[in-house]
Amino acid sequence: SCTAGLHLSLLACGVGRGDEVITTPMTF
């Protein structure tokens, strides 16, 4: 799924506790 892809991409980029991720509220 795309959800799994989003999760894996965050992990691959080292995003974790204490980080902030900019996104739009116009999304799933």
mmCIF file of all heavy atoms, coordinates in Angstrom:
data_MODEL
# 
_entry.id   MODEL 
# 
loop_
_atom_site.group_PDB 
_atom_site.id 
_atom_site.type_symbol 
_atom_site.label_atom_id 
_atom_site.label_alt_id 
_atom_site.label_comp_id 
_atom_site.label_asym_id 
_atom_site.label_entity_id 
_atom_site.label_seq_id 
_atom_site.pdbx_PDB_ins_code 
_atom_site.Cartn_x 
_atom_site.Cartn_y 
_atom_site.Cartn_z 
_atom_site.occupancy 
_atom_site.B_iso_or_equiv 
_atom_site.pdbx_formal_charge 
_atom_site.auth_seq_id 
_atom_site.auth_comp_id 
_atom_site.auth_asym_id 
_atom_site.auth_atom_id 
_atom_site.pdbx_PDB_model_num 
ATOM 1   N N   . SER A 1 1  ? 0.836  -1.205 0.000  1.00 0.00 ? 1  SER A N   1 
ATOM 2   C CA  . SER A 1 1  ? 0.000  0.000  0.000  1.00 0.00 ? 1  SER A CA  1 
ATOM 3   C C   . SER A 1 1  ? 0.867  1.250  0.000  1.00 0.00 ? 1  SER A C   1 
ATOM 4   O O   . SER A 1 1  ? 2.057  1.201  0.327  1.00 0.00 ? 1  SER A O   1 
ATOM 5   C CB  . SER A 1 1  ? -0.901 0.020  1.245  1.00 0.00 ? 1  SER A CB  1 
ATOM 6   O OG  . SER A 1 1  ? -0.101 0.177  2.415  1.00 0.00 ? 1  SER A OG  1 
ATOM 7   N N   . CYS A 1 2  ? 0.228  2.342  -0.325 1.00 0.00 ? 2  CYS A N   1 
ATOM 8   C CA  . CYS A 1 2  ? 0.922  3.630  -0.238 1.00 0.00 ? 2  CYS A CA  1 
ATOM 9   C C   . CYS A 1 2  ? 1.238  3.962  1.216  1.00 0.00 ? 2  CYS A C   1 
ATOM 10  O O   . CYS A 1 2  ? 2.265  4.567  1.505  1.00 0.00 ? 2  CYS A O   1 
ATOM 11  C CB  . CYS A 1 2  ? 0.066  4.723  -0.872 1.00 0.00 ? 2  CYS A CB  1 
ATOM 12  S SG  . CYS A 1 2  ? 0.901  6.325  -0.922 1.00 0.00 ? 2  CYS A SG  1 
ATOM 13  N N   . THR A 1 3  ? 0.367  3.563  2.129  1.00 0.00 ? 3  THR A N   1 
ATOM 14  C CA  . THR A 1 3  ? 0.621  3.791  3.549  1.00 0.00 ? 3  THR A CA  1 
ATOM 15  C C   . THR A 1 3  ? 1.935  3.135  3.958  1.00 0.00 ? 3  THR A C   1 
ATOM 16  O O   . THR A 1 3  ? 2.769  3.748  4.637  1.00 0.00 ? 3  THR A O   1 
ATOM 17  C CB  . THR A 1 3  ? -0.541 3.246  4.410  1.00 0.00 ? 3  THR A CB  1 
ATOM 18  O OG1 . THR A 1 3  ? -1.758 3.876  4.002  1.00 0.00 ? 3  THR A OG1 1 
ATOM 19  C CG2 . THR A 1 3  ? -0.304 3.499  5.886  1.00 0.00 ? 3  THR A CG2 1 
ATOM 20  N N   . ALA A 1 4  ? 2.137  1.902  3.533  1.00 0.00 ? 4  ALA A N   1 
ATOM 21  C CA  . ALA A 1 4  ? 3.396  1.211  3.833  1.00 0.00 ? 4  ALA A CA  1 
ATOM 22  C C   . ALA A 1 4  ? 4.569  1.942  3.187  1.00 0.00 ? 4  ALA A C   1 
ATOM 23  O O   . ALA A 1 4  ? 5.651  2.049  3.777  1.00 0.00 ? 4  ALA A O   1 
ATOM 24  C CB  . ALA A 1 4  ? 3.345  -0.232 3.349  1.00 0.00 ? 4  ALA A CB  1 
ATOM 25  N N   . GLY A 1 5  ? 4.372  2.460  1.979  1.00 0.00 ? 5  GLY A N   1 
ATOM 26  C CA  . GLY A 1 5  ? 5.423  3.215  1.299  1.00 0.00 ? 5  GLY A CA  1 
ATOM 27  C C   . GLY A 1 5  ? 5.771  4.498  2.024  1.00 0.00 ? 5  GLY A C   1 
ATOM 28  O O   . GLY A 1 5  ? 6.951  4.848  2.156  1.00 0.00 ? 5  GLY A O   1 
ATOM 29  N N   . LEU A 1 6  ? 4.764  5.215  2.506  1.00 0.00 ? 6  LEU A N   1 
ATOM 30  C CA  . LEU A 1 6  ? 5.008  6.435  3.280  1.00 0.00 ? 6  LEU A CA  1 
ATOM 31  C C   . LEU A 1 6  ? 5.775  6.113  4.558  1.00 0.00 ? 6  LEU A C   1 
ATOM 32  O O   . LEU A 1 6  ? 6.735  6.805  4.917  1.00 0.00 ? 6  LEU A O   1 
ATOM 33  C CB  . LEU A 1 6  ? 3.688  7.128  3.629  1.00 0.00 ? 6  LEU A CB  1 
ATOM 34  C CG  . LEU A 1 6  ? 2.923  7.778  2.487  1.00 0.00 ? 6  LEU A CG  1 
ATOM 35  C CD1 . LEU A 1 6  ? 1.515  8.155  2.936  1.00 0.00 ? 6  LEU A CD1 1 
ATOM 36  C CD2 . LEU A 1 6  ? 3.664  8.992  1.973  1.00 0.00 ? 6  LEU A CD2 1 
ATOM 37  N N   . HIS A 1 7  ? 5.365  5.054  5.244  1.00 0.00 ? 7  HIS A N   1 
ATOM 38  C CA  . HIS A 1 7  ? 6.024  4.651  6.482  1.00 0.00 ? 7  HIS A CA  1 
ATOM 39  C C   . HIS A 1 7  ? 7.481  4.292  6.218  1.00 0.00 ? 7  HIS A C   1 
ATOM 40  O O   . HIS A 1 7  ? 8.396  4.757  6.913  1.00 0.00 ? 7  HIS A O   1 
ATOM 41  C CB  . HIS A 1 7  ? 5.261  3.479  7.106  1.00 0.00 ? 7  HIS A CB  1 
ATOM 42  C CG  . HIS A 1 7  ? 5.815  3.032  8.403  1.00 0.00 ? 7  HIS A CG  1 
ATOM 43  N ND1 . HIS A 1 7  ? 6.022  1.707  8.703  1.00 0.00 ? 7  HIS A ND1 1 
ATOM 44  C CD2 . HIS A 1 7  ? 6.225  3.718  9.500  1.00 0.00 ? 7  HIS A CD2 1 
ATOM 45  C CE1 . HIS A 1 7  ? 6.529  1.605  9.923  1.00 0.00 ? 7  HIS A CE1 1 
ATOM 46  N NE2 . HIS A 1 7  ? 6.660  2.807  10.421 1.00 0.00 ? 7  HIS A NE2 1 
ATOM 47  N N   . LEU A 1 8  ? 7.713  3.466  5.211  1.00 0.00 ? 8  LEU A N   1 
ATOM 48  C CA  . LEU A 1 8  ? 9.070  3.047  4.880  1.00 0.00 ? 8  LEU A CA  1 
ATOM 49  C C   . LEU A 1 8  ? 9.946  4.234  4.468  1.00 0.00 ? 8  LEU A C   1 
ATOM 50  O O   . LEU A 1 8  ? 11.113 4.312  4.846  1.00 0.00 ? 8  LEU A O   1 
ATOM 51  C CB  . LEU A 1 8  ? 9.037  2.005  3.759  1.00 0.00 ? 8  LEU A CB  1 
ATOM 52  C CG  . LEU A 1 8  ? 10.355 1.358  3.396  1.00 0.00 ? 8  LEU A CG  1 
ATOM 53  C CD1 . LEU A 1 8  ? 10.988 0.656  4.592  1.00 0.00 ? 8  LEU A CD1 1 
ATOM 54  C CD2 . LEU A 1 8  ? 10.155 0.375  2.249  1.00 0.00 ? 8  LEU A CD2 1 
ATOM 55  N N   . SER A 1 9  ? 9.374  5.176  3.723  1.00 0.00 ? 9  SER A N   1 
ATOM 56  C CA  . SER A 1 9  ? 10.163 6.339  3.301  1.00 0.00 ? 9  SER A CA  1 
ATOM 57  C C   . SER A 1 9  ? 10.568 7.206  4.488  1.00 0.00 ? 9  SER A C   1 
ATOM 58  O O   . SER A 1 9  ? 11.685 7.737  4.530  1.00 0.00 ? 9  SER A O   1 
ATOM 59  C CB  . SER A 1 9  ? 9.412  7.164  2.253  1.00 0.00 ? 9  SER A CB  1 
ATOM 60  O OG  . SER A 1 9  ? 8.253  7.753  2.803  1.00 0.00 ? 9  SER A OG  1 
ATOM 61  N N   . LEU A 1 10 ? 9.688  7.347  5.472  1.00 0.00 ? 10 LEU A N   1 
ATOM 62  C CA  . LEU A 1 10 ? 10.052 8.105  6.672  1.00 0.00 ? 10 LEU A CA  1 
ATOM 63  C C   . LEU A 1 10 ? 11.174 7.404  7.432  1.00 0.00 ? 10 LEU A C   1 
ATOM 64  O O   . LEU A 1 10 ? 12.132 8.042  7.876  1.00 0.00 ? 10 LEU A O   1 
ATOM 65  C CB  . LEU A 1 10 ? 8.837  8.301  7.581  1.00 0.00 ? 10 LEU A CB  1 
ATOM 66  C CG  . LEU A 1 10 ? 7.759  9.254  7.063  1.00 0.00 ? 10 LEU A CG  1 
ATOM 67  C CD1 . LEU A 1 10 ? 6.522  9.186  7.947  1.00 0.00 ? 10 LEU A CD1 1 
ATOM 68  C CD2 . LEU A 1 10 ? 8.274  10.680 6.970  1.00 0.00 ? 10 LEU A CD2 1 
ATOM 69  N N   . LEU A 1 11 ? 11.063 6.090  7.569  1.00 0.00 ? 11 LEU A N   1 
ATOM 70  C CA  . LEU A 1 11 ? 12.112 5.332  8.254  1.00 0.00 ? 11 LEU A CA  1 
ATOM 71  C C   . LEU A 1 11 ? 13.435 5.432  7.491  1.00 0.00 ? 11 LEU A C   1 
ATOM 72  O O   . LEU A 1 11 ? 14.499 5.619  8.092  1.00 0.00 ? 11 LEU A O   1 
ATOM 73  C CB  . LEU A 1 11 ? 11.702 3.868  8.407  1.00 0.00 ? 11 LEU A CB  1 
ATOM 74  C CG  . LEU A 1 11 ? 10.521 3.586  9.332  1.00 0.00 ? 11 LEU A CG  1 
ATOM 75  C CD1 . LEU A 1 11 ? 10.151 2.116  9.278  1.00 0.00 ? 11 LEU A CD1 1 
ATOM 76  C CD2 . LEU A 1 11 ? 10.818 4.034  10.755 1.00 0.00 ? 11 LEU A CD2 1 
ATOM 77  N N   . ALA A 1 12 ? 13.366 5.320  6.174  1.00 0.00 ? 12 ALA A N   1 
ATOM 78  C CA  . ALA A 1 12 ? 14.582 5.389  5.354  1.00 0.00 ? 12 ALA A CA  1 
ATOM 79  C C   . ALA A 1 12 ? 15.262 6.746  5.455  1.00 0.00 ? 12 ALA A C   1 
ATOM 80  O O   . ALA A 1 12 ? 16.490 6.845  5.357  1.00 0.00 ? 12 ALA A O   1 
ATOM 81  C CB  . ALA A 1 12 ? 14.248 5.083  3.892  1.00 0.00 ? 12 ALA A CB  1 
ATOM 82  N N   . CYS A 1 13 ? 14.478 7.780  5.683  1.00 0.00 ? 13 CYS A N   1 
ATOM 83  C CA  . CYS A 1 13 ? 15.033 9.139  5.818  1.00 0.00 ? 13 CYS A CA  1 
ATOM 84  C C   . CYS A 1 13 ? 15.455 9.449  7.255  1.00 0.00 ? 13 CYS A C   1 
ATOM 85  O O   . CYS A 1 13 ? 15.931 10.547 7.537  1.00 0.00 ? 13 CYS A O   1 
ATOM 86  C CB  . CYS A 1 13 ? 14.010 10.168 5.349  1.00 0.00 ? 13 CYS A CB  1 
ATOM 87  S SG  . CYS A 1 13 ? 13.761 10.161 3.569  1.00 0.00 ? 13 CYS A SG  1 
ATOM 88  N N   . GLY A 1 14 ? 15.232 8.509  8.156  1.00 0.00 ? 14 GLY A N   1 
ATOM 89  C CA  . GLY A 1 14 ? 15.647 8.710  9.542  1.00 0.00 ? 14 GLY A CA  1 
ATOM 90  C C   . GLY A 1 14 ? 14.707 9.579  10.351 1.00 0.00 ? 14 GLY A C   1 
ATOM 91  O O   . GLY A 1 14 ? 15.085 10.106 11.400 1.00 0.00 ? 14 GLY A O   1 
ATOM 92  N N   . VAL A 1 15 ? 13.483 9.743  9.889  1.00 0.00 ? 15 VAL A N   1 
ATOM 93  C CA  . VAL A 1 15 ? 12.507 10.556 10.617 1.00 0.00 ? 15 VAL A CA  1 
ATOM 94  C C   . VAL A 1 15 ? 12.023 9.772  11.820 1.00 0.00 ? 15 VAL A C   1 
ATOM 95  O O   . VAL A 1 15 ? 11.692 8.589  11.707 1.00 0.00 ? 15 VAL A O   1 
ATOM 96  C CB  . VAL A 1 15 ? 11.321 10.946 9.705  1.00 0.00 ? 15 VAL A CB  1 
ATOM 97  C CG1 . VAL A 1 15 ? 10.258 11.701 10.489 1.00 0.00 ? 15 VAL A CG1 1 
ATOM 98  C CG2 . VAL A 1 15 ? 11.809 11.777 8.529  1.00 0.00 ? 15 VAL A CG2 1 
ATOM 99  N N   . GLY A 1 16 ? 11.995 10.445 12.976 1.00 0.00 ? 16 GLY A N   1 
ATOM 100 C CA  . GLY A 1 16 ? 11.578 9.759  14.197 1.00 0.00 ? 16 GLY A CA  1 
ATOM 101 C C   . GLY A 1 16 ? 11.169 10.723 15.282 1.00 0.00 ? 16 GLY A C   1 
ATOM 102 O O   . GLY A 1 16 ? 10.845 11.887 15.028 1.00 0.00 ? 16 GLY A O   1 
ATOM 103 N N   . ARG A 1 17 ? 11.226 10.229 16.500 1.00 0.00 ? 17 ARG A N   1 
ATOM 104 C CA  . ARG A 1 17 ? 10.784 10.989 17.670 1.00 0.00 ? 17 ARG A CA  1 
ATOM 105 C C   . ARG A 1 17 ? 11.432 12.364 17.724 1.00 0.00 ? 17 ARG A C   1 
ATOM 106 O O   . ARG A 1 17 ? 12.635 12.491 17.550 1.00 0.00 ? 17 ARG A O   1 
ATOM 107 C CB  . ARG A 1 17 ? 11.118 10.210 18.941 1.00 0.00 ? 17 ARG A CB  1 
ATOM 108 C CG  . ARG A 1 17 ? 10.482 10.772 20.176 1.00 0.00 ? 17 ARG A CG  1 
ATOM 109 C CD  . ARG A 1 17 ? 10.265 9.756  21.274 1.00 0.00 ? 17 ARG A CD  1 
ATOM 110 N NE  . ARG A 1 17 ? 9.712  8.476  20.882 1.00 0.00 ? 17 ARG A NE  1 
ATOM 111 C CZ  . ARG A 1 17 ? 8.418  8.250  20.599 1.00 0.00 ? 17 ARG A CZ  1 
ATOM 112 N NH1 . ARG A 1 17 ? 7.566  9.230  20.655 1.00 0.00 ? 17 ARG A NH1 1 
ATOM 113 N NH2 . ARG A 1 17 ? 8.000  7.044  20.264 1.00 0.00 ? 17 ARG A NH2 1 
ATOM 114 N N   . GLY A 1 18 ? 10.578 13.369 17.912 1.00 0.00 ? 18 GLY A N   1 
ATOM 115 C CA  . GLY A 1 18 ? 11.049 14.744 18.035 1.00 0.00 ? 18 GLY A CA  1 
ATOM 116 C C   . GLY A 1 18 ? 11.137 15.494 16.713 1.00 0.00 ? 18 GLY A C   1 
ATOM 117 O O   . GLY A 1 18 ? 11.298 16.701 16.701 1.00 0.00 ? 18 GLY A O   1 
ATOM 118 N N   . ASP A 1 19 ? 11.028 14.783 15.591 1.00 0.00 ? 19 ASP A N   1 
ATOM 119 C CA  . ASP A 1 19 ? 11.067 15.453 14.290 1.00 0.00 ? 19 ASP A CA  1 
ATOM 120 C C   . ASP A 1 19 ? 9.697  16.026 13.950 1.00 0.00 ? 19 ASP A C   1 
ATOM 121 O O   . ASP A 1 19 ? 8.677  15.591 14.475 1.00 0.00 ? 19 ASP A O   1 
ATOM 122 C CB  . ASP A 1 19 ? 11.474 14.476 13.187 1.00 0.00 ? 19 ASP A CB  1 
ATOM 123 C CG  . ASP A 1 19 ? 12.917 14.035 13.308 1.00 0.00 ? 19 ASP A CG  1 
ATOM 124 O OD1 . ASP A 1 19 ? 13.757 14.842 13.768 1.00 0.00 ? 19 ASP A OD1 1 
ATOM 125 O OD2 . ASP A 1 19 ? 13.217 12.881 12.955 1.00 0.00 ? 19 ASP A OD2 1 
ATOM 126 N N   . GLU A 1 20 ? 9.702  17.003 13.063 1.00 0.00 ? 20 GLU A N   1 
ATOM 127 C CA  . GLU A 1 20 ? 8.475  17.562 12.512 1.00 0.00 ? 20 GLU A CA  1 
ATOM 128 C C   . GLU A 1 20 ? 8.478  17.328 11.010 1.00 0.00 ? 20 GLU A C   1 
ATOM 129 O O   . GLU A 1 20 ? 9.505  17.466 10.357 1.00 0.00 ? 20 GLU A O   1 
ATOM 130 C CB  . GLU A 1 20 ? 8.370  19.060 12.796 1.00 0.00 ? 20 GLU A CB  1 
ATOM 131 C CG  . GLU A 1 20 ? 8.236  19.393 14.261 1.00 0.00 ? 20 GLU A CG  1 
ATOM 132 C CD  . GLU A 1 20 ? 8.074  20.878 14.525 1.00 0.00 ? 20 GLU A CD  1 
ATOM 133 O OE1 . GLU A 1 20 ? 8.398  21.687 13.637 1.00 0.00 ? 20 GLU A OE1 1 
ATOM 134 O OE2 . GLU A 1 20 ? 7.613  21.223 15.621 1.00 0.00 ? 20 GLU A OE2 1 
ATOM 135 N N   . VAL A 1 21 ? 7.319  16.948 10.479 1.00 0.00 ? 21 VAL A N   1 
ATOM 136 C CA  . VAL A 1 21 ? 7.174  16.684 9.051  1.00 0.00 ? 21 VAL A CA  1 
ATOM 137 C C   . VAL A 1 21 ? 6.068  17.580 8.508  1.00 0.00 ? 21 VAL A C   1 
ATOM 138 O O   . VAL A 1 21 ? 4.934  17.542 8.986  1.00 0.00 ? 21 VAL A O   1 
ATOM 139 C CB  . VAL A 1 21 ? 6.835  15.208 8.780  1.00 0.00 ? 21 VAL A CB  1 
ATOM 140 C CG1 . VAL A 1 21 ? 6.649  14.965 7.289  1.00 0.00 ? 21 VAL A CG1 1 
ATOM 141 C CG2 . VAL A 1 21 ? 7.916  14.303 9.351  1.00 0.00 ? 21 VAL A CG2 1 
ATOM 142 N N   . ILE A 1 22 ? 6.423  18.399 7.529  1.00 0.00 ? 22 ILE A N   1 
ATOM 143 C CA  . ILE A 1 22 ? 5.454  19.304 6.918  1.00 0.00 ? 22 ILE A CA  1 
ATOM 144 C C   . ILE A 1 22 ? 4.614  18.524 5.918  1.00 0.00 ? 22 ILE A C   1 
ATOM 145 O O   . ILE A 1 22 ? 5.134  17.795 5.080  1.00 0.00 ? 22 ILE A O   1 
ATOM 146 C CB  . ILE A 1 22 ? 6.175  20.469 6.219  1.00 0.00 ? 22 ILE A CB  1 
ATOM 147 C CG1 . ILE A 1 22 ? 6.934  21.305 7.244  1.00 0.00 ? 22 ILE A CG1 1 
ATOM 148 C CG2 . ILE A 1 22 ? 5.183  21.335 5.445  1.00 0.00 ? 22 ILE A CG2 1 
ATOM 149 C CD1 . ILE A 1 22 ? 7.917  22.278 6.659  1.00 0.00 ? 22 ILE A CD1 1 
ATOM 150 N N   . THR A 1 23 ? 3.301  18.691 6.014  1.00 0.00 ? 23 THR A N   1 
ATOM 151 C CA  . THR A 1 23 ? 2.373  18.067 5.084  1.00 0.00 ? 23 THR A CA  1 
ATOM 152 C C   . THR A 1 23 ? 1.145  18.962 4.952  1.00 0.00 ? 23 THR A C   1 
ATOM 153 O O   . THR A 1 23 ? 1.053  20.002 5.593  1.00 0.00 ? 23 THR A O   1 
ATOM 154 C CB  . THR A 1 23 ? 1.996  16.640 5.534  1.00 0.00 ? 23 THR A CB  1 
ATOM 155 O OG1 . THR A 1 23 ? 1.272  16.007 4.477  1.00 0.00 ? 23 THR A OG1 1 
ATOM 156 C CG2 . THR A 1 23 ? 1.183  16.644 6.812  1.00 0.00 ? 23 THR A CG2 1 
ATOM 157 N N   . THR A 1 24 ? 0.245  18.551 4.111  1.00 0.00 ? 24 THR A N   1 
ATOM 158 C CA  . THR A 1 24 ? -0.985 19.303 3.908  1.00 0.00 ? 24 THR A CA  1 
ATOM 159 C C   . THR A 1 24 ? -2.153 18.578 4.570  1.00 0.00 ? 24 THR A C   1 
ATOM 160 O O   . THR A 1 24 ? -2.163 17.346 4.610  1.00 0.00 ? 24 THR A O   1 
ATOM 161 C CB  . THR A 1 24 ? -1.260 19.476 2.406  1.00 0.00 ? 24 THR A CB  1 
ATOM 162 O OG1 . THR A 1 24 ? -2.573 19.999 2.229  1.00 0.00 ? 24 THR A OG1 1 
ATOM 163 C CG2 . THR A 1 24 ? -1.155 18.177 1.660  1.00 0.00 ? 24 THR A CG2 1 
ATOM 164 N N   . PRO A 1 25 ? -3.144 19.318 5.054  1.00 0.00 ? 25 PRO A N   1 
ATOM 165 C CA  . PRO A 1 25 ? -4.335 18.654 5.580  1.00 0.00 ? 25 PRO A CA  1 
ATOM 166 C C   . PRO A 1 25 ? -5.236 18.124 4.459  1.00 0.00 ? 25 PRO A C   1 
ATOM 167 O O   . PRO A 1 25 ? -6.149 17.360 4.715  1.00 0.00 ? 25 PRO A O   1 
ATOM 168 C CB  . PRO A 1 25 ? -5.034 19.755 6.390  1.00 0.00 ? 25 PRO A CB  1 
ATOM 169 C CG  . PRO A 1 25 ? -4.572 21.027 5.781  1.00 0.00 ? 25 PRO A CG  1 
ATOM 170 C CD  . PRO A 1 25 ? -3.182 20.765 5.276  1.00 0.00 ? 25 PRO A CD  1 
ATOM 171 N N   . MET A 1 26 ? -4.932 18.477 3.222  1.00 0.00 ? 26 MET A N   1 
ATOM 172 C CA  . MET A 1 26 ? -5.720 18.026 2.064  1.00 0.00 ? 26 MET A CA  1 
ATOM 173 C C   . MET A 1 26 ? -5.150 16.698 1.562  1.00 0.00 ? 26 MET A C   1 
ATOM 174 O O   . MET A 1 26 ? -4.620 16.610 0.456  1.00 0.00 ? 26 MET A O   1 
ATOM 175 C CB  . MET A 1 26 ? -5.682 19.076 0.950  1.00 0.00 ? 26 MET A CB  1 
ATOM 176 C CG  . MET A 1 26 ? -6.254 20.409 1.327  1.00 0.00 ? 26 MET A CG  1 
ATOM 177 S SD  . MET A 1 26 ? -8.039 20.381 1.451  1.00 0.00 ? 26 MET A SD  1 
ATOM 178 C CE  . MET A 1 26 ? -8.491 20.126 -0.242 1.00 0.00 ? 26 MET A CE  1 
ATOM 179 N N   . THR A 1 27 ? -5.231 15.673 2.384  1.00 0.00 ? 27 THR A N   1 
ATOM 180 C CA  . THR A 1 27 ? -4.652 14.381 2.056  1.00 0.00 ? 27 THR A CA  1 
ATOM 181 C C   . THR A 1 27 ? -5.412 13.292 2.791  1.00 0.00 ? 27 THR A C   1 
ATOM 182 O O   . THR A 1 27 ? -6.281 13.572 3.619  1.00 0.00 ? 27 THR A O   1 
ATOM 183 C CB  . THR A 1 27 ? -3.153 14.348 2.423  1.00 0.00 ? 27 THR A CB  1 
ATOM 184 O OG1 . THR A 1 27 ? -2.588 13.122 1.965  1.00 0.00 ? 27 THR A OG1 1 
ATOM 185 C CG2 . THR A 1 27 ? -2.927 14.505 3.905  1.00 0.00 ? 27 THR A CG2 1 
ATOM 186 N N   . PHE A 1 28 ? -5.063 12.059 2.508  1.00 0.00 ? 28 PHE A N   1 
ATOM 187 C CA  . PHE A 1 28 ? -5.649 10.922 3.199  1.00 0.00 ? 28 PHE A CA  1 
ATOM 188 C C   . PHE A 1 28 ? -5.093 10.866 4.624  1.00 0.00 ? 28 PHE A C   1 
ATOM 189 O O   . PHE A 1 28 ? -3.959 11.273 4.873  1.00 0.00 ? 28 PHE A O   1 
ATOM 190 C CB  . PHE A 1 28 ? -5.311 9.642  2.422  1.00 0.00 ? 28 PHE A CB  1 
ATOM 191 C CG  . PHE A 1 28 ? -6.028 8.422  2.890  1.00 0.00 ? 28 PHE A CG  1 
ATOM 192 C CD1 . PHE A 1 28 ? -7.403 8.312  2.744  1.00 0.00 ? 28 PHE A CD1 1 
ATOM 193 C CD2 . PHE A 1 28 ? -5.338 7.386  3.478  1.00 0.00 ? 28 PHE A CD2 1 
ATOM 194 C CE1 . PHE A 1 28 ? -8.080 7.179  3.175  1.00 0.00 ? 28 PHE A CE1 1 
ATOM 195 C CE2 . PHE A 1 28 ? -5.998 6.239  3.911  1.00 0.00 ? 28 PHE A CE2 1 
ATOM 196 C CZ  . PHE A 1 28 ? -7.369 6.147  3.755  1.00 0.00 ? 28 PHE A CZ  1 
# 
